[in-house]
Amino acid sequence: MRSYAVLTLPAALAVLLIAGSAARAAVPKACDLLTAQTAASLLGGPVGAPTDVQGMICSYSTKTAIVSLSVVAQPALTVADFSRAMQVSGQQTGIQQVLGLGDAGFFNPGGGDRNTVNVLYHHQAVSFSVQKKLTPQLKSQMIDQMKQWLAKF
């Protein structure tokens, strides 16, 4: 019988980031995808300079909010394992599957106004978070933005 450890969403993403860091060659850099203009549009105002972590994580912030994107190669990660990890980690926050978004896509309304779209696409784990009060418009913007980024892979 298989047993699975329960991971929080940040812990699940950390595992994904660490496991995929060695296979980084063909993965687009996060700050090449997430621009200041996109971040400002999502956050509703001007943003500061980006924070770039080894090309894998890009974030912009205002005084009260943050938008971030991570892109990590995951050559051994299956759709089933990714989906299971997302569902387990999002049990407390009402995670929702987004059909037609990558190989497996999920929207997590999170807690504390941290909304996240997590996608597995061609063995690349992509996580996009916006720290802002959730509205139907914000959710739609986030999913549409993720679709635009995935078209660049």
N, C-alpha and C. Protein backbone atom coordinates (compact mmCIF):
# COMPACT_ATOMS: atom_id res chain seq x y z
N MET A 1 0.85 -1.18 0.00
CA MET A 1 0.00 0.00 0.00
C MET A 1 0.88 1.23 0.00
N ARG A 2 0.57 2.16 -0.87
CA ARG A 2 1.32 3.41 -0.94
C ARG A 2 0.84 4.37 0.12
N SER A 3 1.77 5.11 0.67
CA SER A 3 1.40 6.14 1.62
C SER A 3 1.99 7.46 1.14
N TYR A 4 1.24 8.53 1.31
CA TYR A 4 1.66 9.84 0.85
C TYR A 4 1.74 10.80 2.02
N ALA A 5 2.82 11.56 2.03
CA ALA A 5 2.96 12.57 3.06
C ALA A 5 2.09 13.77 2.68
N VAL A 6 1.50 14.39 3.66
CA VAL A 6 0.69 15.58 3.42
C VAL A 6 1.62 16.79 3.47
N LEU A 7 1.64 17.55 2.39
CA LEU A 7 2.48 18.74 2.30
C LEU A 7 1.61 19.97 2.16
N THR A 8 2.04 21.06 2.77
CA THR A 8 1.36 22.32 2.53
C THR A 8 1.74 22.77 1.13
N LEU A 9 1.00 23.71 0.56
CA LEU A 9 1.31 24.19 -0.78
C LEU A 9 2.73 24.73 -0.86
N PRO A 10 3.18 25.59 0.07
CA PRO A 10 4.57 26.06 -0.02
C PRO A 10 5.58 24.91 0.06
N ALA A 11 5.31 23.91 0.89
CA ALA A 11 6.23 22.77 0.98
C ALA A 11 6.24 21.97 -0.30
N ALA A 12 5.06 21.78 -0.90
CA ALA A 12 4.99 21.03 -2.16
C ALA A 12 5.75 21.77 -3.25
N LEU A 13 5.62 23.08 -3.31
CA LEU A 13 6.33 23.86 -4.32
C LEU A 13 7.83 23.85 -4.06
N ALA A 14 8.23 23.87 -2.79
CA ALA A 14 9.66 23.80 -2.48
C ALA A 14 10.25 22.49 -2.97
N VAL A 15 9.53 21.38 -2.76
CA VAL A 15 9.98 20.08 -3.26
C VAL A 15 10.12 20.13 -4.77
N LEU A 16 9.13 20.72 -5.45
CA LEU A 16 9.20 20.83 -6.90
C LEU A 16 10.40 21.67 -7.34
N LEU A 17 10.67 22.76 -6.65
CA LEU A 17 11.78 23.62 -7.01
C LEU A 17 13.12 22.93 -6.82
N ILE A 18 13.28 22.27 -5.69
CA ILE A 18 14.54 21.60 -5.40
C ILE A 18 14.77 20.44 -6.36
N ALA A 19 13.74 19.64 -6.58
CA ALA A 19 13.88 18.46 -7.44
C ALA A 19 14.18 18.84 -8.88
N GLY A 20 13.70 19.97 -9.33
CA GLY A 20 13.87 20.32 -10.73
C GLY A 20 15.03 21.24 -11.03
N SER A 21 15.77 21.67 -10.03
CA SER A 21 16.79 22.67 -10.27
C SER A 21 17.92 22.17 -11.18
N ALA A 22 18.16 20.87 -11.20
CA ALA A 22 19.25 20.35 -12.02
C ALA A 22 18.91 20.34 -13.51
N ALA A 23 17.64 20.30 -13.85
CA ALA A 23 17.24 20.19 -15.25
C ALA A 23 16.76 21.53 -15.79
N ARG A 24 17.50 22.56 -15.59
CA ARG A 24 17.09 23.92 -15.83
C ARG A 24 17.31 24.42 -17.27
N ALA A 25 18.00 23.70 -18.12
CA ALA A 25 18.48 24.23 -19.40
C ALA A 25 17.39 24.79 -20.31
N ALA A 26 16.32 24.08 -20.56
CA ALA A 26 15.34 24.50 -21.56
C ALA A 26 14.17 25.30 -20.98
N VAL A 27 14.22 25.61 -19.74
CA VAL A 27 13.10 26.28 -19.08
C VAL A 27 13.22 27.79 -19.26
N PRO A 28 12.12 28.46 -19.68
CA PRO A 28 12.19 29.93 -19.79
C PRO A 28 12.46 30.55 -18.43
N LYS A 29 13.16 31.66 -18.43
CA LYS A 29 13.41 32.37 -17.17
C LYS A 29 12.14 33.09 -16.75
N ALA A 30 11.85 33.01 -15.46
CA ALA A 30 10.62 33.58 -14.92
C ALA A 30 10.49 35.08 -15.21
N CYS A 31 11.58 35.84 -15.07
CA CYS A 31 11.50 37.29 -15.30
C CYS A 31 11.43 37.64 -16.78
N ASP A 32 11.69 36.68 -17.67
CA ASP A 32 11.45 36.92 -19.10
C ASP A 32 9.96 36.83 -19.40
N LEU A 33 9.23 36.12 -18.55
CA LEU A 33 7.78 35.96 -18.73
C LEU A 33 7.00 37.02 -17.96
N LEU A 34 7.30 37.16 -16.68
CA LEU A 34 6.59 38.13 -15.82
C LEU A 34 7.24 39.49 -15.95
N THR A 35 6.55 40.42 -16.57
CA THR A 35 7.10 41.77 -16.76
C THR A 35 6.54 42.73 -15.71
N ALA A 36 7.20 43.86 -15.59
CA ALA A 36 6.73 44.90 -14.67
C ALA A 36 5.33 45.37 -15.09
N GLN A 37 5.09 45.47 -16.38
CA GLN A 37 3.78 45.91 -16.87
C GLN A 37 2.68 44.93 -16.46
N THR A 38 2.94 43.65 -16.61
CA THR A 38 1.95 42.63 -16.20
C THR A 38 1.73 42.69 -14.70
N ALA A 39 2.81 42.78 -13.94
CA ALA A 39 2.70 42.83 -12.47
C ALA A 39 1.91 44.06 -12.04
N ALA A 40 2.19 45.21 -12.63
CA ALA A 40 1.47 46.44 -12.27
C ALA A 40 -0.01 46.33 -12.61
N SER A 41 -0.31 45.71 -13.74
CA SER A 41 -1.71 45.52 -14.13
C SER A 41 -2.45 44.64 -13.13
N LEU A 42 -1.80 43.57 -12.71
CA LEU A 42 -2.43 42.65 -11.75
C LEU A 42 -2.58 43.27 -10.36
N LEU A 43 -1.60 44.05 -9.96
CA LEU A 43 -1.62 44.63 -8.61
C LEU A 43 -2.31 45.98 -8.55
N GLY A 44 -2.59 46.57 -9.70
CA GLY A 44 -3.33 47.82 -9.72
C GLY A 44 -2.51 49.06 -9.44
N GLY A 45 -1.21 49.00 -9.70
CA GLY A 45 -0.38 50.18 -9.49
C GLY A 45 1.07 49.88 -9.79
N PRO A 46 1.92 50.91 -9.71
CA PRO A 46 3.33 50.72 -10.04
C PRO A 46 4.02 49.73 -9.10
N VAL A 47 4.99 49.01 -9.66
CA VAL A 47 5.75 48.02 -8.88
C VAL A 47 7.21 48.41 -8.87
N GLY A 48 7.94 47.87 -7.92
CA GLY A 48 9.37 48.11 -7.84
C GLY A 48 10.13 47.21 -8.80
N ALA A 49 11.43 47.22 -8.68
CA ALA A 49 12.29 46.37 -9.52
C ALA A 49 12.02 44.91 -9.18
N PRO A 50 12.20 44.02 -10.16
CA PRO A 50 11.94 42.61 -9.89
C PRO A 50 13.00 41.98 -9.00
N THR A 51 12.59 40.95 -8.29
CA THR A 51 13.52 40.09 -7.58
C THR A 51 13.62 38.83 -8.42
N ASP A 52 14.82 38.47 -8.84
CA ASP A 52 15.06 37.32 -9.70
C ASP A 52 15.92 36.32 -8.93
N VAL A 53 15.41 35.12 -8.74
CA VAL A 53 16.15 34.08 -8.03
C VAL A 53 16.57 33.02 -9.05
N GLN A 54 17.80 33.10 -9.50
CA GLN A 54 18.43 32.15 -10.42
C GLN A 54 17.58 31.86 -11.65
N GLY A 55 16.81 32.82 -12.10
CA GLY A 55 15.99 32.64 -13.28
C GLY A 55 14.74 31.80 -13.06
N MET A 56 14.64 31.16 -11.89
CA MET A 56 13.51 30.27 -11.61
C MET A 56 12.33 30.99 -10.99
N ILE A 57 12.59 32.04 -10.23
CA ILE A 57 11.53 32.75 -9.52
C ILE A 57 11.68 34.24 -9.80
N CYS A 58 10.56 34.88 -10.13
CA CYS A 58 10.54 36.32 -10.36
C CYS A 58 9.40 36.90 -9.55
N SER A 59 9.65 38.00 -8.87
CA SER A 59 8.57 38.64 -8.13
C SER A 59 8.69 40.15 -8.20
N TYR A 60 7.53 40.78 -8.14
CA TYR A 60 7.41 42.23 -8.09
C TYR A 60 6.50 42.55 -6.91
N SER A 61 6.69 43.73 -6.34
CA SER A 61 5.82 44.09 -5.22
C SER A 61 5.48 45.57 -5.21
N THR A 62 4.40 45.84 -4.51
CA THR A 62 4.03 47.20 -4.15
C THR A 62 4.21 47.25 -2.64
N LYS A 63 3.77 48.33 -2.01
CA LYS A 63 3.89 48.41 -0.55
C LYS A 63 2.98 47.39 0.14
N THR A 64 1.93 46.95 -0.54
CA THR A 64 0.95 46.08 0.12
C THR A 64 0.72 44.74 -0.56
N ALA A 65 1.34 44.48 -1.71
CA ALA A 65 1.03 43.24 -2.42
C ALA A 65 2.25 42.73 -3.20
N ILE A 66 2.19 41.45 -3.54
CA ILE A 66 3.28 40.79 -4.26
C ILE A 66 2.68 39.93 -5.37
N VAL A 67 3.37 39.89 -6.51
CA VAL A 67 3.04 38.95 -7.57
C VAL A 67 4.33 38.20 -7.88
N SER A 68 4.22 36.87 -8.02
CA SER A 68 5.43 36.09 -8.29
C SER A 68 5.14 34.96 -9.27
N LEU A 69 6.20 34.53 -9.95
CA LEU A 69 6.12 33.45 -10.92
C LEU A 69 7.34 32.57 -10.73
N SER A 70 7.12 31.26 -10.70
CA SER A 70 8.25 30.33 -10.69
C SER A 70 8.06 29.34 -11.84
N VAL A 71 9.18 29.00 -12.48
CA VAL A 71 9.17 28.06 -13.60
C VAL A 71 10.34 27.11 -13.37
N VAL A 72 10.03 25.81 -13.23
CA VAL A 72 11.06 24.83 -12.92
C VAL A 72 10.84 23.57 -13.73
N ALA A 73 11.89 23.07 -14.36
CA ALA A 73 11.81 21.81 -15.09
C ALA A 73 11.59 20.66 -14.11
N GLN A 74 10.71 19.74 -14.47
CA GLN A 74 10.39 18.58 -13.64
C GLN A 74 10.33 17.34 -14.53
N PRO A 75 11.45 16.87 -15.07
CA PRO A 75 11.42 15.80 -16.05
C PRO A 75 10.82 14.49 -15.54
N ALA A 76 10.88 14.21 -14.26
CA ALA A 76 10.36 12.95 -13.74
C ALA A 76 8.95 13.05 -13.16
N LEU A 77 8.40 14.24 -13.11
CA LEU A 77 7.10 14.45 -12.47
C LEU A 77 5.96 14.08 -13.44
N THR A 78 5.08 13.20 -12.99
CA THR A 78 3.94 12.80 -13.82
C THR A 78 2.74 13.69 -13.52
N VAL A 79 1.80 13.70 -14.45
CA VAL A 79 0.57 14.46 -14.26
C VAL A 79 -0.16 13.95 -13.02
N ALA A 80 -0.21 12.64 -12.85
CA ALA A 80 -0.90 12.06 -11.69
C ALA A 80 -0.27 12.51 -10.38
N ASP A 81 1.06 12.48 -10.30
CA ASP A 81 1.74 12.89 -9.06
C ASP A 81 1.56 14.38 -8.80
N PHE A 82 1.66 15.19 -9.84
CA PHE A 82 1.47 16.64 -9.70
C PHE A 82 0.04 16.92 -9.21
N SER A 83 -0.94 16.29 -9.85
CA SER A 83 -2.34 16.51 -9.48
C SER A 83 -2.59 16.09 -8.04
N ARG A 84 -2.04 14.96 -7.65
CA ARG A 84 -2.22 14.48 -6.28
C ARG A 84 -1.60 15.46 -5.28
N ALA A 85 -0.40 15.94 -5.58
CA ALA A 85 0.27 16.89 -4.68
C ALA A 85 -0.54 18.18 -4.54
N MET A 86 -1.08 18.67 -5.65
CA MET A 86 -1.87 19.91 -5.61
C MET A 86 -3.16 19.70 -4.81
N GLN A 87 -3.83 18.58 -5.02
CA GLN A 87 -5.08 18.33 -4.31
C GLN A 87 -4.85 18.15 -2.82
N VAL A 88 -3.80 17.44 -2.45
CA VAL A 88 -3.51 17.23 -1.03
C VAL A 88 -3.12 18.55 -0.37
N SER A 89 -2.26 19.32 -1.04
CA SER A 89 -1.79 20.56 -0.43
C SER A 89 -2.88 21.63 -0.37
N GLY A 90 -3.89 21.53 -1.22
CA GLY A 90 -4.94 22.54 -1.26
C GLY A 90 -6.23 22.15 -0.59
N GLN A 91 -6.22 21.07 0.19
CA GLN A 91 -7.45 20.61 0.84
C GLN A 91 -8.09 21.66 1.73
N GLN A 92 -7.29 22.43 2.42
CA GLN A 92 -7.82 23.41 3.37
C GLN A 92 -8.23 24.72 2.70
N THR A 93 -7.81 24.94 1.46
CA THR A 93 -8.04 26.23 0.84
C THR A 93 -9.01 26.20 -0.33
N GLY A 94 -9.56 25.04 -0.65
CA GLY A 94 -10.54 24.97 -1.72
C GLY A 94 -9.95 25.00 -3.12
N ILE A 95 -8.83 24.31 -3.31
CA ILE A 95 -8.18 24.28 -4.62
C ILE A 95 -9.16 23.77 -5.68
N GLN A 96 -9.06 24.32 -6.88
CA GLN A 96 -9.97 23.95 -7.97
C GLN A 96 -9.15 23.56 -9.19
N GLN A 97 -9.52 22.47 -9.83
CA GLN A 97 -8.87 22.08 -11.07
C GLN A 97 -9.32 23.01 -12.19
N VAL A 98 -8.40 23.39 -13.06
CA VAL A 98 -8.71 24.24 -14.22
C VAL A 98 -8.47 23.38 -15.46
N LEU A 99 -9.55 22.90 -16.04
CA LEU A 99 -9.43 22.03 -17.21
C LEU A 99 -8.89 22.82 -18.40
N GLY A 100 -8.04 22.16 -19.19
CA GLY A 100 -7.50 22.79 -20.39
C GLY A 100 -6.33 23.71 -20.14
N LEU A 101 -5.83 23.75 -18.92
CA LEU A 101 -4.69 24.61 -18.59
C LEU A 101 -3.47 23.72 -18.40
N GLY A 102 -2.62 23.66 -19.43
CA GLY A 102 -1.44 22.81 -19.38
C GLY A 102 -1.83 21.35 -19.34
N ASP A 103 -0.91 20.52 -18.87
CA ASP A 103 -1.19 19.09 -18.72
C ASP A 103 -2.03 18.84 -17.48
N ALA A 104 -1.86 19.69 -16.48
CA ALA A 104 -2.67 19.67 -15.26
C ALA A 104 -2.61 21.08 -14.69
N GLY A 105 -3.76 21.67 -14.41
CA GLY A 105 -3.80 23.03 -13.90
C GLY A 105 -4.74 23.17 -12.72
N PHE A 106 -4.34 23.98 -11.76
CA PHE A 106 -5.12 24.19 -10.55
C PHE A 106 -5.11 25.65 -10.14
N PHE A 107 -6.24 26.12 -9.62
CA PHE A 107 -6.32 27.45 -9.03
C PHE A 107 -6.54 27.27 -7.54
N ASN A 108 -5.70 27.91 -6.75
CA ASN A 108 -5.81 27.81 -5.30
C ASN A 108 -6.07 29.20 -4.74
N PRO A 109 -7.31 29.43 -4.22
CA PRO A 109 -7.61 30.74 -3.64
C PRO A 109 -6.82 31.03 -2.38
N GLY A 110 -6.19 30.02 -1.82
CA GLY A 110 -5.28 30.20 -0.70
C GLY A 110 -5.89 30.93 0.47
N GLY A 111 -5.04 31.25 1.39
CA GLY A 111 -5.46 32.03 2.55
C GLY A 111 -4.70 33.34 2.55
N GLY A 112 -5.18 34.29 3.26
CA GLY A 112 -4.50 35.58 3.38
C GLY A 112 -4.34 36.29 2.05
N ASP A 113 -5.33 36.15 1.17
CA ASP A 113 -5.32 36.81 -0.13
C ASP A 113 -4.16 36.37 -1.04
N ARG A 114 -3.63 35.19 -0.84
CA ARG A 114 -2.57 34.67 -1.72
C ARG A 114 -3.21 33.67 -2.67
N ASN A 115 -3.43 34.10 -3.88
CA ASN A 115 -4.09 33.30 -4.91
C ASN A 115 -3.03 32.74 -5.84
N THR A 116 -3.14 31.46 -6.18
CA THR A 116 -2.09 30.81 -6.96
C THR A 116 -2.66 29.95 -8.07
N VAL A 117 -2.03 30.02 -9.24
CA VAL A 117 -2.31 29.10 -10.34
C VAL A 117 -1.08 28.21 -10.46
N ASN A 118 -1.29 26.90 -10.35
CA ASN A 118 -0.20 25.93 -10.47
C ASN A 118 -0.47 25.06 -11.68
N VAL A 119 0.54 24.91 -12.54
CA VAL A 119 0.38 24.17 -13.78
C VAL A 119 1.59 23.27 -14.00
N LEU A 120 1.31 22.08 -14.51
CA LEU A 120 2.36 21.22 -15.04
C LEU A 120 2.17 21.24 -16.54
N TYR A 121 3.23 21.61 -17.26
CA TYR A 121 3.14 21.73 -18.72
C TYR A 121 4.44 21.22 -19.34
N HIS A 122 4.35 20.15 -20.07
CA HIS A 122 5.53 19.54 -20.70
C HIS A 122 6.68 19.38 -19.71
N HIS A 123 6.39 18.80 -18.56
CA HIS A 123 7.37 18.54 -17.50
C HIS A 123 7.98 19.81 -16.93
N GLN A 124 7.22 20.88 -16.92
CA GLN A 124 7.65 22.12 -16.29
C GLN A 124 6.58 22.55 -15.29
N ALA A 125 7.00 22.72 -14.06
CA ALA A 125 6.07 23.17 -13.02
C ALA A 125 6.09 24.70 -13.01
N VAL A 126 4.91 25.28 -13.20
CA VAL A 126 4.79 26.73 -13.25
C VAL A 126 3.82 27.16 -12.16
N SER A 127 4.25 28.07 -11.31
CA SER A 127 3.41 28.56 -10.22
C SER A 127 3.37 30.08 -10.29
N PHE A 128 2.16 30.61 -10.26
CA PHE A 128 1.92 32.05 -10.42
C PHE A 128 1.05 32.50 -9.26
N SER A 129 1.55 33.41 -8.43
CA SER A 129 0.81 33.88 -7.26
C SER A 129 0.59 35.38 -7.29
N VAL A 130 -0.59 35.77 -6.84
CA VAL A 130 -0.91 37.19 -6.68
C VAL A 130 -1.48 37.36 -5.28
N GLN A 131 -0.86 38.23 -4.51
CA GLN A 131 -1.32 38.52 -3.16
C GLN A 131 -2.24 39.72 -3.25
N LYS A 132 -3.53 39.43 -3.34
CA LYS A 132 -4.53 40.48 -3.50
C LYS A 132 -5.89 39.85 -3.22
N LYS A 133 -6.85 40.66 -2.78
CA LYS A 133 -8.20 40.15 -2.52
C LYS A 133 -8.75 39.49 -3.79
N LEU A 134 -9.23 38.27 -3.64
CA LEU A 134 -9.73 37.50 -4.78
C LEU A 134 -11.07 38.03 -5.26
N THR A 135 -11.13 38.25 -6.57
CA THR A 135 -12.38 38.60 -7.25
C THR A 135 -12.49 37.67 -8.46
N PRO A 136 -13.67 37.50 -9.01
CA PRO A 136 -13.78 36.69 -10.23
C PRO A 136 -12.90 37.24 -11.36
N GLN A 137 -12.78 38.57 -11.43
CA GLN A 137 -11.95 39.19 -12.46
C GLN A 137 -10.47 38.83 -12.27
N LEU A 138 -9.98 38.86 -11.02
CA LEU A 138 -8.59 38.52 -10.76
C LEU A 138 -8.33 37.06 -11.13
N LYS A 139 -9.22 36.17 -10.74
CA LYS A 139 -9.06 34.76 -11.07
C LYS A 139 -8.97 34.59 -12.60
N SER A 140 -9.86 35.23 -13.32
CA SER A 140 -9.87 35.15 -14.78
C SER A 140 -8.57 35.71 -15.37
N GLN A 141 -8.12 36.86 -14.85
CA GLN A 141 -6.87 37.47 -15.31
C GLN A 141 -5.69 36.53 -15.11
N MET A 142 -5.64 35.88 -13.95
CA MET A 142 -4.53 34.99 -13.64
C MET A 142 -4.51 33.79 -14.58
N ILE A 143 -5.66 33.20 -14.82
CA ILE A 143 -5.73 32.03 -15.70
C ILE A 143 -5.40 32.44 -17.14
N ASP A 144 -5.94 33.57 -17.58
CA ASP A 144 -5.62 34.05 -18.94
C ASP A 144 -4.14 34.34 -19.09
N GLN A 145 -3.53 34.95 -18.08
CA GLN A 145 -2.10 35.26 -18.14
C GLN A 145 -1.29 33.97 -18.21
N MET A 146 -1.67 32.96 -17.44
CA MET A 146 -0.95 31.69 -17.47
C MET A 146 -1.03 31.08 -18.87
N LYS A 147 -2.19 31.14 -19.50
CA LYS A 147 -2.34 30.62 -20.87
C LYS A 147 -1.39 31.33 -21.83
N GLN A 148 -1.26 32.63 -21.69
CA GLN A 148 -0.36 33.40 -22.55
C GLN A 148 1.10 32.95 -22.34
N TRP A 149 1.48 32.75 -21.09
CA TRP A 149 2.84 32.31 -20.81
C TRP A 149 3.09 30.90 -21.36
N LEU A 150 2.15 30.01 -21.17
CA LEU A 150 2.34 28.63 -21.63
C LEU A 150 2.52 28.57 -23.16
N ALA A 151 1.94 29.50 -23.86
CA ALA A 151 2.10 29.55 -25.32
C ALA A 151 3.54 29.86 -25.71
N LYS A 152 4.35 30.38 -24.79
CA LYS A 152 5.74 30.72 -25.07
C LYS A 152 6.70 29.59 -24.75
N PHE A 153 6.19 28.47 -24.26
CA PHE A 153 7.07 27.35 -23.91
C PHE A 153 7.32 26.50 -25.15
